[in-house]
């Protein structure tokens, strides 16, 4: 928890309580439903929570922003972002229902009211559009673009135009080459935001929608 406070020192008491609660909640649920690798649960705050919050170092969502967390798994990056931005609305979707059960139980336990979950494939979303689609290690950028393009609103209310924000590793420049010609994309190394060695090979990719 201290690592979160070192980078986000201005949290409210409620936000501190919510973040503090995550370790025990995920440890307990992970014994029943494996949403985080067993050996990684001790690194929850560094590998999952802080990694998710890299998006908050890139952009501060304005109140009323709608965000889709595509392939949320155990709730990352959507759940930590929902704690940090209580006036932003988050829809967390995944094709594996048992993982969403954990997300719902954790959110209820800490009193998060600005998230909704759906057990659905992203291609099936027909009733809603979003300012941003966020994701973490789900698919290649061309697939994310194909799935997300039709779900992004045309009216912008944030400092950046609406689009996709993906937390990625691997050969990102090769993935960007797979995007349609003329699409704007930029890469931000996470080492720009965090000093820990875990982030040295990781980056944030923004694709304008």
Protein backbone atom coordinates (compact mmCIF):
# COMPACT_ATOMS: atom_id res chain seq x y z
CA UNK A 1 0.00 0.00 0.00
CA UNK A 2 2.90 2.40 0.73
CA UNK A 3 3.94 2.26 -2.91
CA UNK A 4 0.54 3.63 -3.97
CA UNK A 5 0.80 6.50 -1.50
CA UNK A 6 4.30 7.33 -2.69
CA UNK A 7 3.00 8.07 -6.17
CA UNK A 8 -0.52 9.23 -5.24
CA UNK A 9 -0.07 11.14 -1.95
CA UNK A 10 -3.30 13.14 -2.18
CA UNK A 11 -5.77 10.32 -1.74
CA UNK A 12 -8.81 10.91 0.44
CA UNK A 13 -9.24 8.84 3.59
CA UNK A 14 -11.95 6.85 1.81
CA UNK A 15 -9.66 6.10 -1.13
CA UNK A 16 -6.87 5.04 1.24
CA UNK A 17 -9.29 2.69 2.99
CA UNK A 18 -10.45 1.24 -0.32
CA UNK A 19 -6.94 0.63 -1.63
CA UNK A 20 -5.83 -0.77 1.74
CA UNK A 21 -8.65 -3.31 1.67
CA UNK A 22 -7.65 -4.80 -1.68
CA UNK A 23 -4.83 -7.02 -0.42
CA UNK A 24 -6.92 -9.06 2.00
CA UNK A 25 -9.94 -9.20 -0.31
CA UNK A 26 -8.00 -10.44 -3.32
CA UNK A 27 -5.98 -12.87 -1.20
CA UNK A 28 -9.19 -14.34 0.19
CA UNK A 29 -11.00 -14.59 -3.15
CA UNK A 30 -7.92 -15.85 -4.96
CA UNK A 31 -8.00 -18.98 -2.82
CA UNK A 32 -11.44 -19.75 -4.27
CA UNK A 33 -11.18 -18.36 -7.82
CA UNK A 34 -7.73 -17.91 -9.32
CA UNK A 35 -7.81 -14.40 -10.81
CA UNK A 36 -4.18 -13.55 -9.99
CA UNK A 37 -1.36 -16.10 -10.18
CA UNK A 38 -0.73 -17.63 -6.76
CA UNK A 39 2.88 -16.50 -6.66
CA UNK A 40 1.93 -12.95 -7.70
CA UNK A 41 -0.67 -12.14 -5.05
CA UNK A 42 2.07 -10.81 -2.74
CA UNK A 43 2.91 -8.27 -5.45
CA UNK A 44 -0.69 -7.11 -5.84
CA UNK A 45 0.03 -3.41 -5.33
CA UNK A 46 3.11 -3.22 -7.57
CA UNK A 47 2.18 -5.60 -10.38
CA UNK A 48 -1.55 -4.97 -10.59
CA UNK A 49 -2.78 -1.87 -8.74
CA UNK A 50 0.09 0.52 -9.52
CA UNK A 51 0.41 -0.86 -13.04
CA UNK A 52 -3.29 -0.06 -13.58
CA UNK A 53 -2.82 3.43 -12.17
CA UNK A 54 -0.23 4.25 -14.84
CA UNK A 55 -3.27 5.37 -16.84
CA UNK A 56 -3.95 7.99 -14.16
CA UNK A 57 -0.44 9.38 -14.63
CA UNK A 58 -1.20 9.80 -18.33
CA UNK A 59 -4.70 11.31 -18.09
CA UNK A 60 -6.97 12.62 -15.35
CA UNK A 61 -10.52 11.58 -16.26
CA UNK A 62 -13.01 14.41 -15.84
CA UNK A 63 -16.25 13.86 -13.92
CA UNK A 64 -18.87 12.26 -16.15
CA UNK A 65 -16.37 10.37 -18.30
CA UNK A 66 -17.48 6.90 -19.43
CA UNK A 67 -14.74 4.26 -19.54
CA UNK A 68 -14.87 0.68 -20.81
CA UNK A 69 -12.38 -1.80 -19.30
CA UNK A 70 -12.10 -4.41 -22.04
CA UNK A 71 -11.11 -7.85 -20.74
CA UNK A 72 -10.90 -6.76 -17.13
CA UNK A 73 -10.07 -10.21 -15.71
CA UNK A 74 -9.83 -9.71 -11.97
CA UNK A 75 -10.68 -6.00 -12.27
CA UNK A 76 -7.56 -4.43 -13.72
CA UNK A 77 -7.14 -1.67 -14.68
CA UNK A 78 -10.76 -0.71 -14.09
CA UNK A 79 -11.17 -1.25 -10.37
CA UNK A 80 -8.13 0.77 -9.18
CA UNK A 81 -9.06 3.53 -11.63
CA UNK A 82 -12.63 3.55 -10.29
CA UNK A 83 -11.26 4.13 -6.78
CA UNK A 84 -9.11 7.00 -8.01
CA UNK A 85 -11.84 8.61 -10.15
CA UNK A 86 -15.10 8.25 -8.19
CA UNK A 87 -16.99 10.59 -10.54
CA UNK A 88 -16.07 8.57 -13.64
CA UNK A 89 -18.31 5.68 -14.73
CA UNK A 90 -16.63 2.36 -15.50
CA UNK A 91 -18.02 -0.68 -17.31
CA UNK A 92 -15.83 -3.75 -16.76
CA UNK A 93 -16.41 -6.57 -19.23
CA UNK A 94 -14.94 -10.05 -19.52
CA UNK A 95 -15.88 -13.31 -21.19
CA UNK A 96 -15.11 -15.30 -18.00
CA UNK A 97 -17.96 -14.93 -15.54
CA UNK A 98 -16.22 -16.27 -12.44
CA UNK A 99 -13.63 -13.50 -12.62
CA UNK A 100 -16.40 -10.90 -12.68
CA UNK A 101 -17.86 -12.50 -9.55
CA UNK A 102 -14.64 -11.58 -7.75
CA UNK A 103 -14.73 -8.05 -9.17
CA UNK A 104 -18.32 -7.58 -8.00
CA UNK A 105 -17.59 -8.93 -4.52
CA UNK A 106 -14.48 -6.76 -4.09
CA UNK A 107 -16.30 -3.66 -5.35
CA UNK A 108 -19.21 -4.28 -2.98
CA UNK A 109 -16.90 -4.88 -0.03
CA UNK A 110 -15.11 -1.55 -0.46
CA UNK A 111 -18.24 0.40 -1.37
CA UNK A 112 -17.46 1.21 -4.99
CA UNK A 113 -20.60 2.50 -6.70
CA UNK A 114 -19.22 3.78 -10.02
CA UNK A 115 -18.56 0.43 -11.68
CA UNK A 116 -20.78 -2.01 -13.54
CA UNK A 117 -19.73 -5.41 -14.83
CA UNK A 118 -21.01 -7.48 -17.73
CA UNK A 119 -20.26 -11.07 -18.62
CA UNK A 120 -20.09 -10.41 -22.34
CA UNK A 121 -17.74 -10.27 -25.30
CA UNK A 122 -16.93 -6.73 -26.35
CA UNK A 123 -18.35 -7.36 -29.83
CA UNK A 124 -21.77 -7.84 -28.22
CA UNK A 125 -21.96 -4.35 -26.68
CA UNK A 126 -24.60 -2.48 -28.67
CA UNK A 127 -26.26 -0.12 -26.20
CA UNK A 128 -23.46 2.14 -24.97
CA UNK A 129 -20.53 4.27 -26.11
CA UNK A 130 -17.49 5.44 -24.18
CA UNK A 131 -14.97 8.25 -23.99
CA UNK A 132 -12.12 5.79 -23.49
CA UNK A 133 -11.51 2.08 -23.78
CA UNK A 134 -8.79 0.92 -21.37
CA UNK A 135 -7.15 -2.47 -21.30
CA UNK A 136 -4.21 -4.36 -19.86
CA UNK A 137 -2.41 -7.17 -21.68
CA UNK A 138 -5.52 -8.41 -23.49
CA UNK A 139 -4.81 -8.51 -27.24
CA UNK A 140 -2.74 -6.98 -30.02
CA UNK A 141 -3.39 -3.33 -30.82
CA UNK A 142 -5.03 -4.04 -34.18
CA UNK A 143 -7.58 -6.32 -32.49
CA UNK A 144 -8.22 -3.75 -29.73
CA UNK A 145 -8.73 -1.10 -32.39
CA UNK A 146 -11.13 -3.28 -34.37
CA UNK A 147 -13.18 -4.15 -31.27
CA UNK A 148 -13.21 -0.64 -29.83
CA UNK A 149 -13.56 1.77 -32.75
CA UNK A 150 -17.35 1.61 -32.96
CA UNK A 151 -17.75 2.05 -29.18
CA UNK A 152 -15.98 5.40 -28.83
CA UNK A 153 -17.97 8.62 -28.52
CA UNK A 154 -17.36 11.44 -30.97
CA UNK A 155 -17.77 14.29 -28.44
CA UNK A 156 -14.69 14.94 -26.29
CA UNK A 157 -14.72 16.23 -22.70
CA UNK A 158 -11.19 15.34 -21.54
CA UNK A 159 -7.75 16.82 -22.16
CA UNK A 160 -7.06 14.13 -24.77
CA UNK A 161 -9.40 13.20 -27.62
CA UNK A 162 -11.37 10.03 -26.93
CA UNK A 163 -9.64 6.77 -27.77
CA UNK A 164 -7.97 3.59 -26.58
CA UNK A 165 -5.45 3.44 -23.71
CA UNK A 166 -3.66 0.11 -23.52
CA UNK A 167 -1.05 -1.08 -21.03
CA UNK A 168 1.33 -3.21 -23.06
CA UNK A 169 4.62 -5.05 -23.17
CA UNK A 170 6.43 -6.75 -26.01
CA UNK A 171 7.15 -5.37 -29.47
CA UNK A 172 4.71 -2.49 -29.46
CA UNK A 173 6.09 -0.72 -32.54
CA UNK A 174 5.44 -3.80 -34.65
CA UNK A 175 1.85 -3.89 -33.35
CA UNK A 176 1.32 -0.23 -34.21
CA UNK A 177 2.28 -1.02 -37.81
CA UNK A 178 -0.80 -3.27 -37.95
CA UNK A 179 -3.16 -0.34 -37.30
CA UNK A 180 -4.96 1.24 -40.27
CA UNK A 181 -2.84 3.78 -42.09
CA UNK A 182 -3.24 7.30 -40.71
CA UNK A 183 -4.38 6.32 -37.22
CA UNK A 184 -2.61 8.34 -34.52
CA UNK A 185 -0.85 6.34 -31.82
CA UNK A 186 1.78 7.24 -29.23
CA UNK A 187 3.88 5.16 -26.84
CA UNK A 188 4.79 6.27 -23.29
CA UNK A 189 7.29 4.09 -21.39
CA UNK A 190 6.03 3.43 -17.87
CA UNK A 191 9.55 4.10 -16.57
CA UNK A 192 8.63 7.75 -17.15
CA UNK A 193 6.13 7.45 -14.29
CA UNK A 194 7.52 4.77 -11.98
CA UNK A 195 11.10 3.99 -10.93
CA UNK A 196 10.64 0.30 -10.08
CA UNK A 197 12.38 -2.20 -12.38
CA UNK A 198 9.07 -4.00 -12.98
CA UNK A 199 8.05 -1.17 -15.32
CA UNK A 200 11.21 -1.00 -17.42
CA UNK A 201 9.85 -3.10 -20.30
CA UNK A 202 6.27 -1.86 -20.07
CA UNK A 203 4.50 1.00 -21.82
CA UNK A 204 1.21 2.79 -22.27
CA UNK A 205 -0.18 3.12 -25.78
CA UNK A 206 -2.74 5.77 -26.68
CA UNK A 207 -4.66 5.41 -29.94
CA UNK A 208 -6.86 8.34 -30.88
CA UNK A 209 -10.39 7.19 -31.50
